[in-house]
Amino acid sequence: MAINKIGTTSIYISDNEKARDFYVNKLGFEIRQDMPLGMGTPEEDLRWLTVAPPGSDTAILLMKGFGGWSPEMVGKFGSLTLQTDDIHATYEDLSSKGVKFTETPNLQYYGMWQAQFEDEDGNRYVLVAPQSQS
């Protein structure tokens, strides 16, 4: 039997609520799981918090306090490519919600539209769309 999909990937974050707000309210992702891990102190707020675009098979685990987490890892681990059908509309929508873009939509030499943005912790994302857009 072969591997047939990616289930979860991880991003190191500094604050669960801040990250939850960014991914849900700005990017429009849905919460897949949000449950306490039952270890650590109440101040550490150790949670299994996963988010994903609606209908996506792959979720993102927002990690704080476990799995090799340290403050130095926040903002240095994330580098995911996210897809959209309309990069210009998505760029305008996310920008209006306060998402910080480090690159505006542009047609790449490899034939895809691309833009880049950061989350609240500085994790970087590449947004891509098919070349058929104008």
Protein backbone atom coordinates (compact mmCIF):
# COMPACT_ATOMS: atom_id res chain seq x y z
CA MET A 1 0.00 0.00 0.00
CA ALA A 2 1.34 3.47 -0.90
CA ILE A 3 1.06 6.81 0.88
CA ASN A 4 -1.80 8.64 -0.79
CA LYS A 5 -2.15 12.03 0.96
CA ILE A 6 -0.70 14.37 3.57
CA GLY A 7 -2.76 14.37 6.75
CA THR A 8 -1.25 17.14 8.89
CA THR A 9 1.67 19.52 8.75
CA SER A 10 2.88 21.70 11.63
CA ILE A 11 3.64 25.38 12.20
CA TYR A 12 5.28 26.73 15.36
CA ILE A 13 3.27 29.58 16.91
CA SER A 14 3.66 31.90 19.90
CA ASP A 15 0.02 32.23 21.01
CA ASN A 16 -2.88 29.81 20.45
CA GLU A 17 -5.65 32.42 20.43
CA LYS A 18 -3.76 34.84 18.19
CA ALA A 19 -3.02 32.04 15.72
CA ARG A 20 -6.58 30.70 15.87
CA ASP A 21 -7.93 34.18 15.09
CA PHE A 22 -5.54 34.64 12.13
CA TYR A 23 -6.22 31.29 10.47
CA VAL A 24 -9.99 31.25 11.09
CA ASN A 25 -11.02 34.91 10.83
CA LYS A 26 -8.47 36.18 8.30
CA LEU A 27 -7.70 33.15 6.12
CA GLY A 28 -11.17 31.58 6.43
CA PHE A 29 -9.91 28.19 7.60
CA GLU A 30 -12.07 25.94 9.76
CA ILE A 31 -11.15 24.43 13.11
CA ARG A 32 -10.64 20.68 12.76
CA GLN A 33 -9.64 19.99 16.36
CA ASP A 34 -9.09 22.14 19.43
CA MET A 35 -8.56 20.21 22.62
CA PRO A 36 -6.32 20.51 25.67
CA LEU A 37 -3.39 18.09 25.79
CA GLY A 38 -3.69 17.62 29.55
CA MET A 39 -0.02 18.17 30.24
CA GLY A 40 2.01 21.17 31.33
CA THR A 41 0.80 24.10 33.39
CA PRO A 42 -2.42 26.07 32.75
CA GLU A 43 -0.26 29.01 31.67
CA GLU A 44 1.26 26.92 28.87
CA ASP A 45 -2.20 26.28 27.35
CA LEU A 46 -1.00 23.10 25.62
CA ARG A 47 -3.59 22.27 22.97
CA TRP A 48 -4.00 20.10 19.89
CA LEU A 49 -5.21 22.86 17.58
CA THR A 50 -5.61 22.04 13.89
CA VAL A 51 -7.05 24.22 11.13
CA ALA A 52 -7.62 23.69 7.41
CA PRO A 53 -9.20 25.29 4.38
CA PRO A 54 -12.82 24.06 4.09
CA GLY A 55 -12.90 20.71 2.31
CA SER A 56 -9.12 20.17 2.49
CA ASP A 57 -7.69 16.77 3.34
CA THR A 58 -4.57 18.33 4.87
CA ALA A 59 -4.70 20.24 8.16
CA ILE A 60 -2.17 22.49 9.87
CA LEU A 61 -1.27 21.76 13.49
CA LEU A 62 -0.63 25.06 15.28
CA MET A 63 2.09 24.04 17.74
CA LYS A 64 3.01 25.78 20.97
CA GLY A 65 4.85 24.14 23.86
CA PHE A 66 5.42 20.63 22.48
CA GLY A 67 6.94 18.73 19.54
CA GLY A 68 10.33 20.46 19.65
CA TRP A 69 8.76 23.88 20.18
CA SER A 70 10.91 26.72 21.48
CA PRO A 71 10.48 30.48 21.16
CA GLU A 72 13.38 30.52 18.69
CA MET A 73 11.48 28.21 16.30
CA VAL A 74 8.45 30.51 15.96
CA GLY A 75 8.40 32.26 12.61
CA LYS A 76 11.23 30.17 11.19
CA PHE A 77 9.62 26.81 10.44
CA GLY A 78 6.59 27.52 8.27
CA SER A 79 6.81 27.49 4.51
CA LEU A 80 3.67 26.12 2.90
CA THR A 81 2.19 26.65 -0.53
CA LEU A 82 -1.56 27.34 -0.54
CA GLN A 83 -3.69 27.22 -3.68
CA THR A 84 -6.55 29.41 -4.86
CA ASP A 85 -8.62 29.59 -8.03
CA ASP A 86 -8.46 33.40 -8.18
CA ILE A 87 -5.26 34.88 -6.79
CA HIS A 88 -6.27 38.50 -7.38
CA ALA A 89 -9.59 38.21 -5.53
CA THR A 90 -7.96 36.21 -2.73
CA TYR A 91 -5.17 38.78 -2.44
CA GLU A 92 -7.69 41.63 -2.21
CA ASP A 93 -9.85 39.77 0.33
CA LEU A 94 -6.96 38.78 2.60
CA SER A 95 -5.33 42.21 2.35
CA SER A 96 -8.60 43.85 3.44
CA LYS A 97 -8.56 41.61 6.53
CA GLY A 98 -5.08 42.80 7.49
CA VAL A 99 -3.00 39.91 6.13
CA LYS A 100 0.55 41.18 5.51
CA PHE A 101 1.70 40.36 1.98
CA THR A 102 5.42 40.41 1.26
CA GLU A 103 4.86 39.85 -2.48
CA THR A 104 1.90 40.94 -4.60
CA PRO A 105 0.42 38.57 -7.23
CA ASN A 106 2.79 38.10 -10.14
CA LEU A 107 3.16 35.60 -12.96
CA GLN A 108 6.15 33.32 -12.39
CA TYR A 109 8.45 31.87 -15.04
CA TYR A 110 7.13 28.38 -14.28
CA GLY A 111 3.63 29.38 -15.36
CA MET A 112 1.78 29.94 -12.08
CA TRP A 113 0.61 33.12 -10.37
CA GLN A 114 2.25 33.65 -7.00
CA ALA A 115 2.00 35.96 -3.98
CA GLN A 116 3.55 35.62 -0.53
CA PHE A 117 2.25 36.53 2.92
CA GLU A 118 3.10 36.05 6.59
CA ASP A 119 1.06 35.03 9.61
CA GLU A 120 1.18 36.91 12.91
CA ASP A 121 4.37 35.05 13.93
CA GLY A 122 6.25 35.62 10.67
CA ASN A 123 5.68 32.15 9.20
CA ARG A 124 5.72 32.60 5.42
CA TYR A 125 3.25 31.23 2.91
CA VAL A 126 3.20 31.12 -0.87
CA LEU A 127 -0.21 31.59 -2.51
CA VAL A 128 -0.44 30.15 -6.03
CA ALA A 129 -3.04 30.00 -8.79
CA PRO A 130 -3.19 28.70 -12.37
CA GLN A 131 -1.72 30.80 -15.19
CA SER A 132 -5.14 31.09 -16.86
CA GLN A 133 -5.87 34.19 -14.74
CA SER A 134 -5.32 37.66 -16.11
